[in-house]
Amino acid sequence: MNGQNRSDIYPGLEVDIILKKDQRSGKRTRGIVKDMLTSSSFHSRGIKVRLEDGQVGRVAEIIDEQ
């Protein structure tokens, strides 16, 4: 599942994000969502989140669905 809908994302969810510095290469970073930083319900490039380790990026894919 992609990370464009805010309703699909919540704290504790495992996701792949693309960091700002990795936008050109598309390199993904995996982690657990701590905070959601995008306030709108939809974003075409992915909802921006902060991971538990402090990294910030846009959700490319949701890994862990419960």
Protein backbone atom coordinates (compact mmCIF):
# COMPACT_ATOMS: atom_id res chain seq x y z
CA MET A 1 0.00 0.00 0.00
CA ASN A 2 1.29 3.48 -0.78
CA GLY A 3 1.52 6.22 1.83
CA GLN A 4 -0.63 8.90 0.21
CA ASN A 5 -3.66 8.70 2.53
CA ARG A 6 -3.24 10.02 6.07
CA SER A 7 -5.99 7.69 7.32
CA ASP A 8 -3.80 4.64 6.51
CA ILE A 9 -0.90 5.83 8.68
CA TYR A 10 -0.65 5.88 12.47
CA PRO A 11 2.05 5.83 15.18
CA GLY A 12 3.64 2.40 15.61
CA LEU A 13 3.21 1.44 11.95
CA GLU A 14 6.24 0.05 10.07
CA VAL A 15 6.86 1.98 6.84
CA ASP A 16 9.45 2.71 4.17
CA ILE A 17 10.13 6.42 3.75
CA ILE A 18 12.17 8.47 1.31
CA LEU A 19 14.33 11.05 3.04
CA LYS A 20 14.75 14.51 1.47
CA LYS A 21 18.40 13.77 0.64
CA ASP A 22 17.38 10.51 -1.08
CA GLN A 23 14.61 11.92 -3.31
CA ARG A 24 16.74 11.77 -6.47
CA SER A 25 17.94 8.20 -5.94
CA GLY A 26 14.68 6.92 -4.43
CA LYS A 27 16.59 5.12 -1.64
CA ARG A 28 14.17 3.96 1.06
CA THR A 29 14.63 3.94 4.81
CA ARG A 30 12.58 1.57 6.98
CA GLY A 31 11.30 2.51 10.40
CA ILE A 32 8.40 2.90 12.82
CA VAL A 33 6.16 5.98 12.63
CA LYS A 34 6.37 8.27 15.68
CA ASP A 35 4.57 11.42 14.41
CA MET A 36 2.63 12.44 11.33
CA LEU A 37 3.75 15.82 10.01
CA THR A 38 1.36 16.25 7.05
CA SER A 39 -1.98 17.67 8.21
CA SER A 40 -3.93 17.16 4.97
CA SER A 41 -5.78 13.87 4.42
CA PHE A 42 -3.99 13.16 1.09
CA HIS A 43 -0.59 14.02 -0.41
CA SER A 44 0.43 12.92 -3.91
CA ARG A 45 4.10 12.34 -2.96
CA GLY A 46 3.31 10.64 0.35
CA ILE A 47 2.44 11.69 3.89
CA LYS A 48 5.42 13.20 5.72
CA VAL A 49 6.25 11.42 8.97
CA ARG A 50 8.89 11.37 11.70
CA LEU A 51 10.25 7.93 12.57
CA GLU A 52 11.04 6.81 16.12
CA ASP A 53 14.77 7.37 15.40
CA GLY A 54 14.06 11.01 14.45
CA GLN A 55 14.41 10.76 10.67
CA VAL A 56 11.82 12.67 8.61
CA GLY A 57 10.56 11.72 5.16
CA ARG A 58 7.58 10.89 3.00
CA VAL A 59 5.97 7.45 3.21
CA ALA A 60 6.73 5.42 0.10
CA GLU A 61 5.17 2.15 1.27
CA ILE A 62 3.37 0.73 4.28
CA ILE A 63 5.02 -2.50 5.44
CA ASP A 64 3.21 -3.56 8.59
CA GLU A 65 -0.59 -3.52 8.37
CA GLN A 66 -2.61 -4.64 11.36
